[in-house]
Amino acid sequence: MSHASSLWRGAAPLLLASTSPTRRALLEAGGLAVETRAPGVDERAVEAAAADLSPPGLAERLAAAKAAAVAAGAPDRVVIGADQVLDLDGAVFHKPADRDGAAAHLARLQGRTHALHSAVALALGGAVVECFVATARLTMRPLDAAGIAAYLDAAGPAVTGSVGAYQLEGVGIHLFDRIAGDQSTILGLPLLPLLASLRGRGLLAF
């Protein structure tokens, strides 16, 4: 067994219902054997059908939808789905479409504290059996239009690849005054509750 998967005890690699390289890297860094599969879920349709849910509840619903979609075609695999919702006083943000959209998001977020609700759903036997949600709170420093433009210049096209138009593992770290929350939660996959569940099911070495 390779060093990279030395902690995983599943009969087959963990199946991640996502093509996110960040989420896969988090799992592999933790010693898990991982394969990925795109869930093919229409996230906006799921969101429209869940209009009555809170932002954390929406994150959980999206994660469960992704896990269920992949697990339906792989009932013999351990499957996880994950999603993240950015919440500013109850308003949910999506990935910006372009630089102007990113600038508009940052203008709303600057000087305020927002929440990142990250959810993970675990599916066994073709069905979701558990969901977890963890929340991080991030306070963005005050920024004027010139500061936002300077950040966008530095970050480049990557600003449209993440909700909130930032990546904390890159130059996005310059936007913040305070951050409260687990790093894996901020990156979109709350590892601590997931690993606890996998340990309890005998799927990890210790």
N, C-alpha and C. Protein backbone atom coordinates (compact mmCIF):
# COMPACT_ATOMS: atom_id res chain seq x y z
N MET A 1 0.85 -1.20 0.00
CA MET A 1 0.00 0.00 0.00
C MET A 1 0.89 1.24 0.00
N SER A 2 0.55 2.22 -0.79
CA SER A 2 1.38 3.41 -0.89
C SER A 2 1.28 4.23 0.38
N HIS A 3 2.32 5.01 0.62
CA HIS A 3 2.32 5.89 1.78
C HIS A 3 1.12 6.83 1.75
N ALA A 4 0.77 7.31 0.54
CA ALA A 4 -0.31 8.31 0.42
C ALA A 4 -1.64 7.76 0.89
N SER A 5 -1.84 6.43 0.80
CA SER A 5 -3.13 5.86 1.20
C SER A 5 -3.00 4.95 2.41
N SER A 6 -1.94 5.10 3.19
CA SER A 6 -1.64 4.16 4.26
C SER A 6 -2.64 4.22 5.41
N LEU A 7 -3.43 5.29 5.51
CA LEU A 7 -4.40 5.40 6.60
C LEU A 7 -5.79 4.92 6.19
N TRP A 8 -6.05 4.79 4.91
CA TRP A 8 -7.39 4.45 4.42
C TRP A 8 -7.60 2.94 4.48
N ARG A 9 -8.74 2.51 5.02
CA ARG A 9 -9.02 1.09 5.19
C ARG A 9 -10.22 0.63 4.35
N GLY A 10 -10.73 1.48 3.47
CA GLY A 10 -11.83 1.07 2.62
C GLY A 10 -11.38 0.07 1.57
N ALA A 11 -12.31 -0.75 1.08
CA ALA A 11 -11.99 -1.74 0.06
C ALA A 11 -11.59 -1.09 -1.26
N ALA A 12 -12.11 0.10 -1.51
CA ALA A 12 -11.78 0.89 -2.69
C ALA A 12 -11.52 2.31 -2.24
N PRO A 13 -10.84 3.12 -3.05
CA PRO A 13 -10.59 4.51 -2.64
C PRO A 13 -11.87 5.27 -2.33
N LEU A 14 -11.77 6.22 -1.45
CA LEU A 14 -12.88 7.13 -1.17
C LEU A 14 -13.26 7.84 -2.46
N LEU A 15 -14.56 7.93 -2.72
CA LEU A 15 -15.02 8.55 -3.96
C LEU A 15 -15.54 9.95 -3.64
N LEU A 16 -14.86 10.97 -4.15
CA LEU A 16 -15.21 12.36 -3.92
C LEU A 16 -16.10 12.85 -5.05
N ALA A 17 -17.31 13.27 -4.70
CA ALA A 17 -18.27 13.75 -5.70
C ALA A 17 -17.98 15.20 -6.03
N SER A 18 -16.81 15.41 -6.60
CA SER A 18 -16.34 16.77 -6.91
C SER A 18 -15.11 16.64 -7.78
N THR A 19 -14.88 17.64 -8.60
CA THR A 19 -13.62 17.70 -9.36
C THR A 19 -12.71 18.79 -8.81
N SER A 20 -12.99 19.26 -7.59
CA SER A 20 -12.19 20.32 -6.98
C SER A 20 -10.80 19.80 -6.62
N PRO A 21 -9.75 20.37 -7.21
CA PRO A 21 -8.40 19.93 -6.84
C PRO A 21 -8.07 20.26 -5.39
N THR A 22 -8.65 21.34 -4.85
CA THR A 22 -8.37 21.71 -3.46
C THR A 22 -8.93 20.66 -2.51
N ARG A 23 -10.17 20.23 -2.74
CA ARG A 23 -10.76 19.23 -1.85
C ARG A 23 -10.02 17.89 -1.95
N ARG A 24 -9.67 17.50 -3.16
CA ARG A 24 -8.92 16.25 -3.31
C ARG A 24 -7.57 16.34 -2.59
N ALA A 25 -6.90 17.48 -2.73
CA ALA A 25 -5.60 17.64 -2.08
C ALA A 25 -5.71 17.57 -0.57
N LEU A 26 -6.77 18.14 0.00
CA LEU A 26 -6.97 18.06 1.45
C LEU A 26 -7.08 16.62 1.92
N LEU A 27 -7.85 15.82 1.19
CA LEU A 27 -8.04 14.42 1.57
C LEU A 27 -6.75 13.62 1.40
N GLU A 28 -6.06 13.84 0.30
CA GLU A 28 -4.82 13.10 0.05
C GLU A 28 -3.73 13.49 1.03
N ALA A 29 -3.70 14.77 1.43
CA ALA A 29 -2.71 15.21 2.41
C ALA A 29 -2.95 14.53 3.75
N GLY A 30 -4.21 14.15 4.00
CA GLY A 30 -4.55 13.44 5.23
C GLY A 30 -4.37 11.94 5.13
N GLY A 31 -3.73 11.46 4.06
CA GLY A 31 -3.41 10.05 3.96
C GLY A 31 -4.53 9.17 3.43
N LEU A 32 -5.55 9.75 2.79
CA LEU A 32 -6.66 8.97 2.25
C LEU A 32 -6.46 8.70 0.76
N ALA A 33 -6.84 7.49 0.35
CA ALA A 33 -6.86 7.16 -1.07
C ALA A 33 -8.15 7.73 -1.66
N VAL A 34 -8.03 8.51 -2.75
CA VAL A 34 -9.18 9.27 -3.26
C VAL A 34 -9.30 9.12 -4.77
N GLU A 35 -10.54 8.97 -5.23
CA GLU A 35 -10.88 9.12 -6.63
C GLU A 35 -11.96 10.18 -6.73
N THR A 36 -12.05 10.84 -7.86
CA THR A 36 -13.06 11.89 -8.01
C THR A 36 -14.02 11.55 -9.15
N ARG A 37 -15.24 12.07 -9.01
CA ARG A 37 -16.25 11.91 -10.05
C ARG A 37 -17.15 13.14 -10.02
N ALA A 38 -17.36 13.76 -11.16
CA ALA A 38 -18.22 14.94 -11.23
C ALA A 38 -19.66 14.54 -10.91
N PRO A 39 -20.34 15.26 -10.01
CA PRO A 39 -21.70 14.87 -9.63
C PRO A 39 -22.77 15.24 -10.64
N GLY A 40 -22.51 16.24 -11.49
CA GLY A 40 -23.50 16.63 -12.48
C GLY A 40 -24.77 17.21 -11.89
N VAL A 41 -24.64 17.90 -10.77
CA VAL A 41 -25.80 18.48 -10.09
C VAL A 41 -25.97 19.93 -10.51
N ASP A 42 -27.20 20.34 -10.80
CA ASP A 42 -27.52 21.73 -11.10
C ASP A 42 -27.67 22.47 -9.76
N GLU A 43 -26.60 23.12 -9.34
CA GLU A 43 -26.59 23.75 -8.01
C GLU A 43 -27.65 24.84 -7.87
N ARG A 44 -27.85 25.62 -8.92
CA ARG A 44 -28.84 26.69 -8.83
C ARG A 44 -30.26 26.12 -8.72
N ALA A 45 -30.52 24.99 -9.37
CA ALA A 45 -31.83 24.35 -9.26
C ALA A 45 -32.05 23.83 -7.84
N VAL A 46 -31.02 23.23 -7.26
CA VAL A 46 -31.13 22.76 -5.87
C VAL A 46 -31.39 23.94 -4.95
N GLU A 47 -30.68 25.04 -5.19
CA GLU A 47 -30.85 26.23 -4.35
C GLU A 47 -32.26 26.80 -4.49
N ALA A 48 -32.79 26.83 -5.71
CA ALA A 48 -34.14 27.36 -5.92
C ALA A 48 -35.18 26.53 -5.19
N ALA A 49 -34.95 25.22 -5.12
CA ALA A 49 -35.89 24.34 -4.44
C ALA A 49 -35.72 24.36 -2.92
N ALA A 50 -34.68 25.03 -2.46
CA ALA A 50 -34.39 25.06 -1.02
C ALA A 50 -34.42 26.50 -0.50
N ALA A 51 -35.32 27.31 -1.07
CA ALA A 51 -35.37 28.73 -0.72
C ALA A 51 -35.70 28.98 0.74
N ASP A 52 -36.31 28.00 1.40
CA ASP A 52 -36.70 28.18 2.80
C ASP A 52 -35.57 27.84 3.77
N LEU A 53 -34.45 27.34 3.25
CA LEU A 53 -33.36 26.93 4.13
C LEU A 53 -32.45 28.09 4.50
N SER A 54 -31.83 27.99 5.67
CA SER A 54 -30.80 28.94 6.07
C SER A 54 -29.56 28.69 5.23
N PRO A 55 -28.59 29.63 5.19
CA PRO A 55 -27.36 29.38 4.44
C PRO A 55 -26.63 28.10 4.86
N PRO A 56 -26.51 27.78 6.17
CA PRO A 56 -25.88 26.49 6.51
C PRO A 56 -26.70 25.31 6.00
N GLY A 57 -28.02 25.41 6.08
CA GLY A 57 -28.87 24.34 5.57
C GLY A 57 -28.74 24.16 4.08
N LEU A 58 -28.56 25.27 3.36
CA LEU A 58 -28.36 25.19 1.92
C LEU A 58 -27.06 24.48 1.59
N ALA A 59 -25.99 24.80 2.32
CA ALA A 59 -24.71 24.12 2.09
C ALA A 59 -24.87 22.62 2.29
N GLU A 60 -25.60 22.23 3.33
CA GLU A 60 -25.82 20.81 3.60
C GLU A 60 -26.65 20.16 2.49
N ARG A 61 -27.68 20.85 2.02
CA ARG A 61 -28.52 20.29 0.96
C ARG A 61 -27.71 20.09 -0.33
N LEU A 62 -26.86 21.06 -0.65
CA LEU A 62 -26.03 20.94 -1.85
C LEU A 62 -25.03 19.79 -1.73
N ALA A 63 -24.39 19.67 -0.58
CA ALA A 63 -23.43 18.58 -0.37
C ALA A 63 -24.13 17.23 -0.48
N ALA A 64 -25.32 17.12 0.12
CA ALA A 64 -26.06 15.86 0.08
C ALA A 64 -26.50 15.52 -1.34
N ALA A 65 -26.90 16.53 -2.11
CA ALA A 65 -27.32 16.29 -3.49
C ALA A 65 -26.16 15.74 -4.32
N LYS A 66 -24.97 16.28 -4.10
CA LYS A 66 -23.80 15.81 -4.85
C LYS A 66 -23.43 14.38 -4.46
N ALA A 67 -23.42 14.12 -3.15
CA ALA A 67 -23.09 12.77 -2.69
C ALA A 67 -24.11 11.76 -3.21
N ALA A 68 -25.39 12.11 -3.14
CA ALA A 68 -26.43 11.19 -3.57
C ALA A 68 -26.35 10.91 -5.07
N ALA A 69 -26.03 11.94 -5.86
CA ALA A 69 -25.96 11.76 -7.31
C ALA A 69 -24.88 10.76 -7.70
N VAL A 70 -23.73 10.85 -7.06
CA VAL A 70 -22.63 9.93 -7.38
C VAL A 70 -22.87 8.56 -6.75
N ALA A 71 -23.37 8.54 -5.51
CA ALA A 71 -23.59 7.27 -4.81
C ALA A 71 -24.62 6.40 -5.51
N ALA A 72 -25.58 7.01 -6.18
CA ALA A 72 -26.61 6.24 -6.88
C ALA A 72 -26.00 5.33 -7.94
N GLY A 73 -24.90 5.77 -8.53
CA GLY A 73 -24.23 4.97 -9.54
C GLY A 73 -23.06 4.16 -9.01
N ALA A 74 -22.79 4.27 -7.71
CA ALA A 74 -21.68 3.54 -7.11
C ALA A 74 -22.08 3.09 -5.70
N PRO A 75 -23.10 2.24 -5.59
CA PRO A 75 -23.63 1.87 -4.27
C PRO A 75 -22.65 1.08 -3.40
N ASP A 76 -21.60 0.55 -4.01
CA ASP A 76 -20.62 -0.22 -3.24
C ASP A 76 -19.46 0.63 -2.75
N ARG A 77 -19.51 1.94 -2.98
CA ARG A 77 -18.40 2.82 -2.62
C ARG A 77 -18.76 3.75 -1.46
N VAL A 78 -17.72 4.17 -0.76
CA VAL A 78 -17.86 5.24 0.23
C VAL A 78 -17.73 6.56 -0.54
N VAL A 79 -18.79 7.38 -0.50
CA VAL A 79 -18.85 8.60 -1.31
C VAL A 79 -19.01 9.81 -0.40
N ILE A 80 -18.32 10.89 -0.72
CA ILE A 80 -18.58 12.14 -0.01
C ILE A 80 -18.85 13.26 -1.03
N GLY A 81 -19.77 14.11 -0.67
CA GLY A 81 -20.04 15.32 -1.42
C GLY A 81 -19.77 16.52 -0.53
N ALA A 82 -19.40 17.64 -1.10
CA ALA A 82 -19.09 18.82 -0.30
C ALA A 82 -19.55 20.08 -1.03
N ASP A 83 -19.90 21.08 -0.25
CA ASP A 83 -20.24 22.37 -0.83
C ASP A 83 -19.99 23.45 0.21
N GLN A 84 -19.90 24.68 -0.28
CA GLN A 84 -19.64 25.81 0.60
C GLN A 84 -20.52 26.98 0.20
N VAL A 85 -21.07 27.66 1.19
CA VAL A 85 -21.92 28.82 0.97
C VAL A 85 -21.33 30.02 1.69
N LEU A 86 -21.19 31.12 0.97
CA LEU A 86 -20.76 32.38 1.58
C LEU A 86 -21.99 33.17 1.97
N ASP A 87 -22.03 33.58 3.22
CA ASP A 87 -23.21 34.20 3.82
C ASP A 87 -22.83 35.54 4.43
N LEU A 88 -23.39 36.63 3.89
CA LEU A 88 -23.21 37.95 4.46
C LEU A 88 -24.55 38.41 5.01
N ASP A 89 -24.72 38.26 6.31
CA ASP A 89 -25.97 38.65 6.96
C ASP A 89 -27.19 38.04 6.28
N GLY A 90 -27.08 36.77 5.91
CA GLY A 90 -28.20 36.06 5.31
C GLY A 90 -28.24 36.09 3.80
N ALA A 91 -27.44 36.95 3.16
CA ALA A 91 -27.37 37.00 1.70
C ALA A 91 -26.32 36.01 1.22
N VAL A 92 -26.70 35.15 0.28
CA VAL A 92 -25.80 34.13 -0.24
C VAL A 92 -25.11 34.64 -1.50
N PHE A 93 -23.80 34.46 -1.55
CA PHE A 93 -23.00 34.88 -2.71
C PHE A 93 -22.63 33.66 -3.54
N HIS A 94 -22.52 33.86 -4.87
CA HIS A 94 -22.04 32.84 -5.77
C HIS A 94 -20.72 33.31 -6.39
N LYS A 95 -20.09 32.45 -7.16
CA LYS A 95 -18.86 32.85 -7.83
C LYS A 95 -19.16 34.00 -8.79
N PRO A 96 -18.32 35.04 -8.79
CA PRO A 96 -18.55 36.15 -9.72
C PRO A 96 -18.32 35.71 -11.17
N ALA A 97 -19.08 36.31 -12.08
CA ALA A 97 -18.98 35.93 -13.49
C ALA A 97 -17.76 36.54 -14.17
N ASP A 98 -17.32 37.70 -13.67
CA ASP A 98 -16.21 38.40 -14.32
C ASP A 98 -15.58 39.37 -13.33
N ARG A 99 -14.60 40.13 -13.81
CA ARG A 99 -13.89 41.06 -12.92
C ARG A 99 -14.83 42.08 -12.31
N ASP A 100 -15.77 42.62 -13.08
CA ASP A 100 -16.71 43.60 -12.54
C ASP A 100 -17.56 42.99 -11.43
N GLY A 101 -17.97 41.74 -11.64
CA GLY A 101 -18.74 41.07 -10.60
C GLY A 101 -17.92 40.86 -9.35
N ALA A 102 -16.64 40.51 -9.52
CA ALA A 102 -15.75 40.33 -8.38
C ALA A 102 -15.59 41.64 -7.61
N ALA A 103 -15.43 42.74 -8.34
CA ALA A 103 -15.29 44.05 -7.70
C ALA A 103 -16.55 44.40 -6.90
N ALA A 104 -17.71 44.08 -7.45
CA ALA A 104 -18.96 44.36 -6.76
C ALA A 104 -19.08 43.54 -5.48
N HIS A 105 -18.68 42.27 -5.54
CA HIS A 105 -18.72 41.44 -4.34
C HIS A 105 -17.80 42.00 -3.26
N LEU A 106 -16.60 42.34 -3.65
CA LEU A 106 -15.63 42.84 -2.69
C LEU A 106 -16.09 44.17 -2.08
N ALA A 107 -16.76 44.99 -2.87
CA ALA A 107 -17.27 46.26 -2.35
C ALA A 107 -18.32 46.01 -1.26
N ARG A 108 -19.07 44.94 -1.37
CA ARG A 108 -20.06 44.60 -0.35
C ARG A 108 -19.42 43.94 0.87
N LEU A 109 -18.38 43.16 0.65
CA LEU A 109 -17.75 42.41 1.74
C LEU A 109 -16.76 43.25 2.55
N GLN A 110 -16.18 44.26 1.93
CA GLN A 110 -15.11 45.01 2.60
C GLN A 110 -15.61 45.67 3.89
N GLY A 111 -14.77 45.60 4.91
CA GLY A 111 -15.09 46.21 6.20
C GLY A 111 -16.11 45.44 7.02
N ARG A 112 -16.51 44.26 6.57
CA ARG A 112 -17.55 43.50 7.26
C ARG A 112 -17.10 42.05 7.50
N THR A 113 -17.84 41.37 8.36
CA THR A 113 -17.56 39.96 8.65
C THR A 113 -18.59 39.09 7.94
N HIS A 114 -18.11 38.12 7.18
CA HIS A 114 -19.00 37.16 6.54
C HIS A 114 -18.68 35.75 7.01
N ALA A 115 -19.60 34.84 6.75
CA ALA A 115 -19.44 33.45 7.15
C ALA A 115 -19.25 32.56 5.93
N LEU A 116 -18.41 31.56 6.09
CA LEU A 116 -18.29 30.48 5.12
C LEU A 116 -18.83 29.22 5.77
N HIS A 117 -19.94 28.72 5.26
CA HIS A 117 -20.52 27.48 5.77
C HIS A 117 -20.09 26.35 4.84
N SER A 118 -19.30 25.43 5.35
CA SER A 118 -18.82 24.31 4.55
C SER A 118 -19.49 23.03 5.04
N ALA A 119 -20.04 22.28 4.10
CA ALA A 119 -20.76 21.06 4.43
C ALA A 119 -20.14 19.87 3.72
N VAL A 120 -20.23 18.72 4.36
CA VAL A 120 -19.81 17.46 3.74
C VAL A 120 -20.87 16.42 4.05
N ALA A 121 -21.22 15.64 3.04
CA ALA A 121 -22.21 14.57 3.18
C ALA A 121 -21.54 13.24 2.88
N LEU A 122 -21.82 12.24 3.70
CA LEU A 122 -21.25 10.91 3.55
C LEU A 122 -22.33 9.94 3.09
N ALA A 123 -22.05 9.21 2.01
CA ALA A 123 -23.00 8.23 1.48
C ALA A 123 -22.40 6.84 1.53
N LEU A 124 -23.20 5.89 1.98
CA LEU A 124 -22.82 4.48 2.03
C LEU A 124 -23.98 3.67 1.46
N GLY A 125 -23.68 2.60 0.73
CA GLY A 125 -24.74 1.76 0.20
C GLY A 125 -25.66 2.49 -0.75
N GLY A 126 -25.17 3.54 -1.39
CA GLY A 126 -25.95 4.28 -2.37
C GLY A 126 -26.82 5.38 -1.81
N ALA A 127 -26.72 5.64 -0.50
CA ALA A 127 -27.58 6.66 0.11
C ALA A 127 -26.80 7.49 1.13
N VAL A 128 -27.19 8.74 1.28
CA VAL A 128 -26.54 9.63 2.25
C VAL A 128 -26.93 9.21 3.66
N VAL A 129 -25.92 9.05 4.52
CA VAL A 129 -26.17 8.61 5.89
C VAL A 129 -25.83 9.68 6.93
N GLU A 130 -24.99 10.64 6.57
CA GLU A 130 -24.62 11.70 7.52
C GLU A 130 -24.27 12.97 6.77
N CYS A 131 -24.54 14.11 7.40
CA CYS A 131 -24.09 15.41 6.89
C CYS A 131 -23.52 16.22 8.04
N PHE A 132 -22.51 17.00 7.74
CA PHE A 132 -21.90 17.87 8.74
C PHE A 132 -21.73 19.26 8.13
N VAL A 133 -21.89 20.28 8.96
CA VAL A 133 -21.66 21.66 8.53
C VAL A 133 -20.75 22.33 9.55
N ALA A 134 -19.73 22.99 9.08
CA ALA A 134 -18.84 23.78 9.93
C ALA A 134 -18.78 25.19 9.36
N THR A 135 -18.59 26.17 10.25
CA THR A 135 -18.61 27.57 9.83
C THR A 135 -17.33 28.30 10.24
N ALA A 136 -16.80 29.07 9.33
CA ALA A 136 -15.68 29.97 9.60
C ALA A 136 -16.18 31.40 9.41
N ARG A 137 -15.61 32.34 10.14
CA ARG A 137 -16.00 33.75 10.03
C ARG A 137 -14.77 34.58 9.68
N LEU A 138 -14.93 35.37 8.63
CA LEU A 138 -13.80 36.13 8.10
C LEU A 138 -14.16 37.61 8.05
N THR A 139 -13.28 38.44 8.58
CA THR A 139 -13.49 39.88 8.59
C THR A 139 -12.56 40.53 7.57
N MET A 140 -13.16 41.11 6.54
CA MET A 140 -12.38 41.75 5.50
C MET A 140 -12.05 43.18 5.91
N ARG A 141 -10.84 43.59 5.65
CA ARG A 141 -10.46 44.94 6.04
C ARG A 141 -11.12 45.97 5.12
N PRO A 142 -11.24 47.21 5.56
CA PRO A 142 -11.84 48.24 4.70
C PRO A 142 -11.00 48.45 3.44
N LEU A 143 -11.68 48.51 2.31
CA LEU A 143 -11.00 48.68 1.03
C LEU A 143 -11.74 49.71 0.20
N ASP A 144 -11.00 50.65 -0.40
CA ASP A 144 -11.64 51.58 -1.33
C ASP A 144 -11.53 51.01 -2.74
N ALA A 145 -12.05 51.72 -3.72
CA ALA A 145 -12.06 51.22 -5.09
C ALA A 145 -10.65 50.96 -5.61
N ALA A 146 -9.70 51.82 -5.22
CA ALA A 146 -8.33 51.63 -5.67
C ALA A 146 -7.72 50.37 -5.07
N GLY A 147 -8.02 50.11 -3.81
CA GLY A 147 -7.52 48.90 -3.17
C GLY A 147 -8.10 47.65 -3.78
N ILE A 148 -9.39 47.68 -4.09
CA ILE A 148 -10.03 46.54 -4.74
C ILE A 148 -9.42 46.29 -6.11
N ALA A 149 -9.19 47.36 -6.86
CA ALA A 149 -8.59 47.22 -8.19
C ALA A 149 -7.18 46.65 -8.09
N ALA A 150 -6.41 47.09 -7.10
CA ALA A 150 -5.04 46.58 -6.93
C ALA A 150 -5.06 45.09 -6.62
N TYR A 151 -6.01 44.69 -5.77
CA TYR A 151 -6.12 43.26 -5.45
C TYR A 151 -6.50 42.46 -6.70
N LEU A 152 -7.48 42.95 -7.45
CA LEU A 152 -7.92 42.23 -8.64
C LEU A 152 -6.79 42.10 -9.66
N ASP A 153 -5.97 43.13 -9.78
CA ASP A 153 -4.81 43.06 -10.67
C ASP A 153 -3.85 41.96 -10.22
N ALA A 154 -3.64 41.89 -8.90
CA ALA A 154 -2.69 40.92 -8.37
C ALA A 154 -3.23 39.49 -8.47
N ALA A 155 -4.54 39.33 -8.25
CA ALA A 155 -5.12 37.99 -8.22
C ALA A 155 -5.37 37.44 -9.61
N GLY A 156 -5.64 38.30 -10.57
CA GLY A 156 -5.85 37.85 -11.94
C GLY A 156 -7.15 37.08 -12.14
N PRO A 157 -7.20 36.25 -13.18
CA PRO A 157 -8.44 35.54 -13.52
C PRO A 157 -8.97 34.62 -12.43
N ALA A 158 -8.12 34.26 -11.47
CA ALA A 158 -8.54 33.33 -10.41
C ALA A 158 -9.70 33.87 -9.58
N VAL A 159 -9.96 35.18 -9.66
CA VAL A 159 -11.02 35.76 -8.82
C VAL A 159 -12.39 35.22 -9.19
N THR A 160 -12.56 34.71 -10.42
CA THR A 160 -13.87 34.18 -10.80
C THR A 160 -14.01 32.70 -10.44
N GLY A 161 -12.97 32.11 -9.88
CA GLY A 161 -12.99 30.69 -9.57
C GLY A 161 -13.43 30.36 -8.17
N SER A 162 -13.64 31.39 -7.33
CA SER A 162 -14.00 31.14 -5.94
C SER A 162 -15.11 32.08 -5.50
N VAL A 163 -15.99 31.56 -4.66
CA VAL A 163 -17.02 32.40 -4.09
C VAL A 163 -16.36 33.50 -3.26
N GLY A 164 -16.86 34.73 -3.35
CA GLY A 164 -16.25 35.84 -2.65
C GLY A 164 -15.09 36.47 -3.38
N ALA A 165 -14.67 35.88 -4.50
CA ALA A 165 -13.60 36.42 -5.35
C ALA A 165 -12.24 36.41 -4.68
N TYR A 166 -12.03 35.44 -3.77
CA TYR A 166 -10.70 35.36 -3.15
C TYR A 166 -10.33 33.91 -2.86
N GLN A 167 -9.03 33.68 -2.76
CA GLN A 167 -8.49 32.40 -2.32
C GLN A 167 -7.49 32.71 -1.22
N LEU A 168 -7.79 32.25 -0.01
CA LEU A 168 -6.92 32.57 1.12
C LEU A 168 -5.54 31.97 0.99
N GLU A 169 -5.43 30.87 0.22
CA GLU A 169 -4.12 30.25 0.04
C GLU A 169 -3.28 31.01 -0.98
N GLY A 170 -3.84 32.08 -1.54
CA GLY A 170 -3.11 32.93 -2.49
C GLY A 170 -3.10 34.37 -2.00
N VAL A 171 -3.16 35.32 -2.92
CA VAL A 171 -3.07 36.72 -2.55
C VAL A 171 -4.34 37.21 -1.84
N GLY A 172 -5.38 36.39 -1.83
CA GLY A 172 -6.59 36.76 -1.10
C GLY A 172 -6.36 36.99 0.38
N ILE A 173 -5.29 36.43 0.93
CA ILE A 173 -4.99 36.61 2.35
C ILE A 173 -4.80 38.09 2.70
N HIS A 174 -4.40 38.89 1.72
CA HIS A 174 -4.18 40.32 1.97
C HIS A 174 -5.47 41.09 2.25
N LEU A 175 -6.61 40.49 1.97
CA LEU A 175 -7.88 41.19 2.13
C LEU A 175 -8.37 41.24 3.56
N PHE A 176 -7.79 40.44 4.46
CA PHE A 176 -8.44 40.18 5.74
C PHE A 176 -7.71 40.75 6.95
N ASP A 177 -8.54 41.14 7.92
CA ASP A 177 -8.05 41.55 9.24
C ASP A 177 -8.05 40.39 10.22
N ARG A 178 -9.14 39.61 10.22
CA ARG A 178 -9.30 38.52 11.17
C ARG A 178 -9.97 37.33 10.49
N ILE A 179 -9.54 36.14 10.93
CA ILE A 179 -10.12 34.90 10.42
C ILE A 179 -10.31 33.96 11.59
N ALA A 180 -11.52 33.44 11.75
CA ALA A 180 -11.82 32.51 12.83
C ALA A 180 -12.43 31.26 12.22
N GLY A 181 -11.71 30.15 12.30
CA GLY A 181 -12.24 28.91 11.75
C GLY A 181 -11.14 27.98 11.31
N ASP A 182 -11.49 26.72 11.19
CA ASP A 182 -10.56 25.69 10.76
C ASP A 182 -10.17 25.89 9.29
N GLN A 183 -8.91 25.65 8.98
CA GLN A 183 -8.43 25.87 7.62
C GLN A 183 -9.18 25.02 6.60
N SER A 184 -9.46 23.77 6.95
CA SER A 184 -10.16 22.92 5.99
C SER A 184 -11.59 23.41 5.75
N THR A 185 -12.20 23.99 6.77
CA THR A 185 -13.53 24.58 6.60
C THR A 185 -13.46 25.74 5.62
N ILE A 186 -12.46 26.58 5.77
CA ILE A 186 -12.30 27.73 4.89
C ILE A 186 -12.08 27.28 3.45
N LEU A 187 -11.38 26.17 3.27
CA LEU A 187 -11.09 25.67 1.94
C LEU A 187 -12.23 24.83 1.36
N GLY A 188 -13.29 24.62 2.13
CA GLY A 188 -14.49 24.00 1.57
C GLY A 188 -14.74 22.54 1.87
N LEU A 189 -13.99 21.96 2.83
CA LEU A 189 -14.22 20.56 3.20
C LEU A 189 -13.89 20.38 4.68
N PRO A 190 -14.89 20.42 5.57
CA PRO A 190 -14.62 20.33 7.01
C PRO A 190 -14.12 18.94 7.40
N LEU A 191 -12.82 18.80 7.53
CA LEU A 191 -12.22 17.49 7.72
C LEU A 191 -12.46 16.89 9.10
N LEU A 192 -12.48 17.69 10.15
CA LEU A 192 -12.53 17.11 11.49
C LEU A 192 -13.77 16.26 11.72
N PRO A 193 -14.99 16.75 11.44
CA PRO A 193 -16.15 15.87 11.63
C PRO A 193 -16.18 14.70 10.65
N LEU A 194 -15.69 14.91 9.43
CA LEU A 194 -15.66 13.83 8.47
C LEU A 194 -14.73 12.72 8.93
N LEU A 195 -13.53 13.08 9.35
CA LEU A 195 -12.57 12.06 9.79
C LEU A 195 -13.07 11.33 11.03
N ALA A 196 -13.74 12.04 11.92
CA ALA A 196 -14.30 11.39 13.11
C ALA A 196 -15.32 10.32 12.71
N SER A 197 -16.16 10.63 11.73
CA SER A 197 -17.15 9.67 11.27
C SER A 197 -16.49 8.47 10.59
N LEU A 198 -15.49 8.73 9.75
CA LEU A 198 -14.80 7.63 9.07
C LEU A 198 -14.09 6.73 10.07
N ARG A 199 -13.48 7.32 11.11
CA ARG A 199 -12.84 6.51 12.16
C ARG A 199 -13.87 5.62 12.85
N GLY A 200 -15.03 6.21 13.18
CA GLY A 200 -16.07 5.47 13.86
C GLY A 200 -16.61 4.30 13.05
N ARG A 201 -16.45 4.38 11.74
CA ARG A 201 -16.93 3.31 10.85
C ARG A 201 -15.81 2.34 10.46
N GLY A 202 -14.66 2.48 11.11
CA GLY A 202 -13.55 1.55 10.86
C GLY A 202 -12.85 1.76 9.54
N LEU A 203 -13.00 2.96 8.95
CA LEU A 203 -12.43 3.21 7.64
C LEU A 203 -11.05 3.86 7.68
N LEU A 204 -10.57 4.18 8.87
CA LEU A 204 -9.24 4.77 9.02
C LEU A 204 -8.41 3.89 9.95
N ALA A 205 -7.09 3.96 9.79
CA ALA A 205 -6.19 3.09 10.52
C ALA A 205 -6.19 3.36 12.02
N PHE A 206 -6.46 4.62 12.41
CA PHE A 206 -6.48 4.94 13.85
C PHE A 206 -7.35 6.15 14.09
